[in-house]
N, C-alpha and C. Protein backbone atom coordinates (compact mmCIF):
# COMPACT_ATOMS: atom_id res chain seq x y z
N MET A 1 94.93 95.80 92.27
CA MET A 1 94.27 96.13 93.51
C MET A 1 95.28 95.98 94.65
N ILE A 2 95.25 96.91 95.55
CA ILE A 2 96.19 96.89 96.68
C ILE A 2 95.44 96.48 97.94
N ASP A 3 95.65 95.22 98.35
CA ASP A 3 94.96 94.68 99.52
C ASP A 3 95.88 94.53 100.73
N THR A 4 97.20 94.54 100.49
CA THR A 4 98.15 94.33 101.59
C THR A 4 99.32 95.30 101.46
N LEU A 5 100.10 95.35 102.52
CA LEU A 5 101.32 96.16 102.49
C LEU A 5 102.26 95.66 101.40
N LEU A 6 102.31 94.35 101.21
CA LEU A 6 103.18 93.79 100.17
C LEU A 6 102.71 94.23 98.78
N ASP A 7 101.40 94.31 98.58
CA ASP A 7 100.88 94.81 97.30
C ASP A 7 101.31 96.25 97.08
N ALA A 8 101.27 97.05 98.14
CA ALA A 8 101.69 98.45 98.04
C ALA A 8 103.17 98.54 97.70
N CYS A 9 104.00 97.71 98.33
CA CYS A 9 105.44 97.71 98.04
C CYS A 9 105.69 97.31 96.59
N GLU A 10 104.98 96.29 96.11
CA GLU A 10 105.14 95.86 94.73
C GLU A 10 104.73 96.97 93.76
N PHE A 11 103.63 97.65 94.05
CA PHE A 11 103.16 98.75 93.21
C PHE A 11 104.21 99.85 93.12
N ILE A 12 104.77 100.22 94.27
CA ILE A 12 105.77 101.29 94.31
C ILE A 12 107.03 100.88 93.56
N LEU A 13 107.50 99.66 93.79
CA LEU A 13 108.70 99.20 93.11
C LEU A 13 108.49 99.14 91.60
N ASN A 14 107.34 98.67 91.17
CA ASN A 14 107.04 98.65 89.74
C ASN A 14 107.01 100.07 89.17
N ASP A 15 106.43 100.99 89.92
CA ASP A 15 106.34 102.38 89.49
C ASP A 15 107.73 103.01 89.35
N GLN A 16 108.62 102.71 90.28
CA GLN A 16 109.96 103.31 90.28
C GLN A 16 110.93 102.58 89.37
N GLY A 17 110.77 101.28 89.24
CA GLY A 17 111.61 100.51 88.35
C GLY A 17 113.02 100.24 88.84
N GLU A 18 113.25 100.46 90.14
CA GLU A 18 114.57 100.19 90.70
C GLU A 18 114.44 99.88 92.18
N PRO A 19 115.43 99.18 92.76
CA PRO A 19 115.38 98.82 94.18
C PRO A 19 115.27 100.06 95.07
N GLN A 20 114.60 99.88 96.20
CA GLN A 20 114.39 100.96 97.15
C GLN A 20 114.56 100.45 98.57
N SER A 21 114.85 101.36 99.48
CA SER A 21 115.00 101.00 100.90
C SER A 21 113.63 100.86 101.54
N SER A 22 113.59 100.17 102.68
CA SER A 22 112.33 100.02 103.41
C SER A 22 111.82 101.38 103.88
N PHE A 23 112.71 102.29 104.23
CA PHE A 23 112.30 103.64 104.63
C PHE A 23 111.59 104.34 103.48
N TRP A 24 112.17 104.26 102.29
CA TRP A 24 111.61 104.94 101.13
C TRP A 24 110.27 104.31 100.76
N LEU A 25 110.19 102.98 100.80
CA LEU A 25 108.93 102.31 100.50
C LEU A 25 107.82 102.73 101.46
N ALA A 26 108.16 102.81 102.75
CA ALA A 26 107.16 103.23 103.74
C ALA A 26 106.72 104.67 103.50
N SER A 27 107.67 105.55 103.22
CA SER A 27 107.32 106.96 103.00
C SER A 27 106.47 107.12 101.74
N GLN A 28 106.78 106.37 100.69
CA GLN A 28 106.00 106.46 99.46
C GLN A 28 104.60 105.87 99.64
N ALA A 29 104.49 104.78 100.39
CA ALA A 29 103.18 104.19 100.64
C ALA A 29 102.28 105.19 101.36
N MET A 30 102.85 105.92 102.32
CA MET A 30 102.09 106.94 103.05
C MET A 30 101.75 108.11 102.13
N GLU A 31 102.73 108.59 101.40
CA GLU A 31 102.55 109.75 100.53
C GLU A 31 101.51 109.47 99.43
N MET A 32 101.55 108.26 98.88
CA MET A 32 100.62 107.89 97.81
C MET A 32 99.27 107.43 98.37
N ARG A 33 99.15 107.44 99.69
CA ARG A 33 97.93 107.01 100.39
C ARG A 33 97.54 105.57 100.03
N LEU A 34 98.56 104.74 99.92
CA LEU A 34 98.34 103.33 99.62
C LEU A 34 98.18 102.50 100.89
N TRP A 35 99.01 102.84 101.90
CA TRP A 35 99.05 102.04 103.12
C TRP A 35 99.74 102.83 104.21
N ARG A 36 99.27 102.70 105.45
CA ARG A 36 99.93 103.32 106.60
C ARG A 36 100.89 102.30 107.18
N ALA A 37 102.18 102.58 107.08
CA ALA A 37 103.17 101.63 107.58
C ALA A 37 104.45 102.36 107.93
N SER A 38 105.11 101.88 108.96
CA SER A 38 106.41 102.42 109.33
C SER A 38 107.49 101.67 108.55
N GLU A 39 108.68 102.19 108.63
CA GLU A 39 109.82 101.52 107.99
C GLU A 39 109.97 100.09 108.53
N ALA A 40 109.82 99.96 109.85
CA ALA A 40 109.94 98.64 110.48
C ALA A 40 108.84 97.69 110.00
N ASP A 41 107.62 98.21 109.81
CA ASP A 41 106.53 97.38 109.29
C ASP A 41 106.85 96.86 107.90
N VAL A 42 107.37 97.74 107.05
CA VAL A 42 107.71 97.36 105.68
C VAL A 42 108.81 96.31 105.69
N ARG A 43 109.87 96.57 106.43
CA ARG A 43 111.00 95.65 106.49
C ARG A 43 110.55 94.28 107.00
N GLU A 44 109.74 94.26 108.06
CA GLU A 44 109.26 93.00 108.63
C GLU A 44 108.38 92.25 107.64
N ALA A 45 107.46 92.94 106.97
CA ALA A 45 106.57 92.29 106.01
C ALA A 45 107.37 91.69 104.86
N LEU A 46 108.34 92.43 104.35
CA LEU A 46 109.15 91.92 103.24
C LEU A 46 109.98 90.72 103.67
N HIS A 47 110.62 90.81 104.84
CA HIS A 47 111.44 89.70 105.34
C HIS A 47 110.59 88.44 105.57
N LYS A 48 109.41 88.63 106.18
CA LYS A 48 108.53 87.48 106.44
C LYS A 48 108.09 86.83 105.14
N ASP A 49 107.76 87.65 104.14
CA ASP A 49 107.33 87.11 102.85
C ASP A 49 108.47 86.34 102.20
N MET A 50 109.67 86.89 102.22
CA MET A 50 110.81 86.20 101.61
C MET A 50 111.15 84.91 102.36
N GLU A 51 111.01 84.94 103.68
CA GLU A 51 111.28 83.77 104.50
C GLU A 51 110.24 82.68 104.24
N LYS A 52 108.97 83.07 104.16
CA LYS A 52 107.88 82.12 103.98
C LYS A 52 107.87 81.52 102.57
N HIS A 53 108.09 82.34 101.57
CA HIS A 53 107.94 81.90 100.19
C HIS A 53 109.26 81.61 99.48
N GLY A 54 110.38 81.95 100.07
CA GLY A 54 111.68 81.67 99.48
C GLY A 54 111.78 82.20 98.05
N LEU A 55 112.13 81.34 97.13
CA LEU A 55 112.31 81.75 95.74
C LEU A 55 111.00 82.07 95.04
N SER A 56 109.88 81.79 95.69
CA SER A 56 108.57 82.14 95.13
C SER A 56 108.11 83.53 95.55
N SER A 57 108.86 84.16 96.47
CA SER A 57 108.50 85.51 96.92
C SER A 57 108.61 86.49 95.75
N ARG A 58 107.78 87.50 95.79
CA ARG A 58 107.83 88.55 94.76
C ARG A 58 109.06 89.45 94.94
N PHE A 59 109.69 89.38 96.11
CA PHE A 59 110.73 90.33 96.48
C PHE A 59 112.10 89.67 96.69
N VAL A 60 113.14 90.47 96.53
CA VAL A 60 114.51 90.06 96.87
C VAL A 60 115.15 91.17 97.68
N LYS A 61 116.00 90.77 98.61
CA LYS A 61 116.75 91.75 99.41
C LYS A 61 118.08 91.97 98.75
N LEU A 62 118.45 93.23 98.63
CA LEU A 62 119.72 93.60 98.03
C LEU A 62 120.59 94.26 99.09
N ALA A 63 121.79 94.58 98.75
CA ALA A 63 122.72 95.23 99.69
C ALA A 63 122.15 96.55 100.20
N ASP A 64 122.63 96.98 101.34
CA ASP A 64 122.28 98.29 101.90
C ASP A 64 120.79 98.46 102.15
N ASP A 65 120.12 97.43 102.67
CA ASP A 65 118.71 97.51 103.03
C ASP A 65 117.84 97.97 101.86
N GLU A 66 118.11 97.45 100.68
CA GLU A 66 117.26 97.75 99.54
C GLU A 66 116.53 96.48 99.11
N PHE A 67 115.34 96.69 98.59
CA PHE A 67 114.52 95.59 98.14
C PHE A 67 114.13 95.83 96.69
N GLY A 68 114.01 94.75 95.96
CA GLY A 68 113.59 94.82 94.57
C GLY A 68 112.60 93.71 94.28
N LEU A 69 112.16 93.65 93.05
CA LEU A 69 111.24 92.60 92.64
C LEU A 69 112.01 91.43 92.04
N ARG A 70 111.63 90.24 92.41
CA ARG A 70 112.30 89.04 91.90
C ARG A 70 112.20 88.99 90.37
N SER A 71 111.12 89.47 89.82
CA SER A 71 110.95 89.45 88.36
C SER A 71 112.05 90.26 87.67
N TRP A 72 112.58 91.27 88.33
CA TRP A 72 113.67 92.05 87.74
C TRP A 72 114.91 91.18 87.59
N ALA A 73 115.17 90.32 88.57
CA ALA A 73 116.35 89.46 88.51
C ALA A 73 116.23 88.52 87.30
N LYS A 74 115.02 88.07 87.03
CA LYS A 74 114.79 87.19 85.89
C LYS A 74 115.02 87.94 84.58
N GLU A 75 114.71 89.24 84.61
CA GLU A 75 114.89 90.07 83.41
C GLU A 75 116.32 90.61 83.31
N GLY A 76 117.11 90.39 84.36
CA GLY A 76 118.49 90.87 84.36
C GLY A 76 118.65 92.33 84.76
N THR A 77 117.60 92.91 85.38
CA THR A 77 117.69 94.32 85.76
C THR A 77 118.10 94.54 87.21
N VAL A 78 118.26 93.46 87.96
CA VAL A 78 118.72 93.55 89.34
C VAL A 78 120.02 92.79 89.46
N ASP A 79 120.93 93.31 90.23
CA ASP A 79 122.22 92.68 90.46
C ASP A 79 122.03 91.20 90.81
N ARG A 80 122.74 90.35 90.17
CA ARG A 80 122.64 88.90 90.38
C ARG A 80 123.08 88.48 91.78
N LYS A 81 123.62 89.39 92.57
CA LYS A 81 124.06 89.05 93.93
C LYS A 81 122.93 89.25 94.94
N ALA A 82 121.70 89.33 94.51
CA ALA A 82 120.56 89.51 95.41
C ALA A 82 120.54 88.38 96.43
N LYS A 83 120.23 88.74 97.65
CA LYS A 83 120.14 87.74 98.73
C LYS A 83 118.74 87.16 98.73
N GLN A 84 118.63 85.90 99.07
CA GLN A 84 117.32 85.23 99.10
C GLN A 84 116.55 85.65 100.32
């Protein structure tokens, strides 16, 4: 169930299976009719979640404004240089 913008981002990332930019996440959320959000909204929501939850966050920030799922890092599918 998608109740928040973060849920929409997680759904999209799981669907794609690879890190994506905040711009791409916002455009896909709109296109898939999951959530109305700008690139800035997505970036802010992801940053706030990572800041608030730290290593418990569902998300990790990668180079070049890309975000992935923390579970991928545990599975070895995301570059180990992910920023917290």
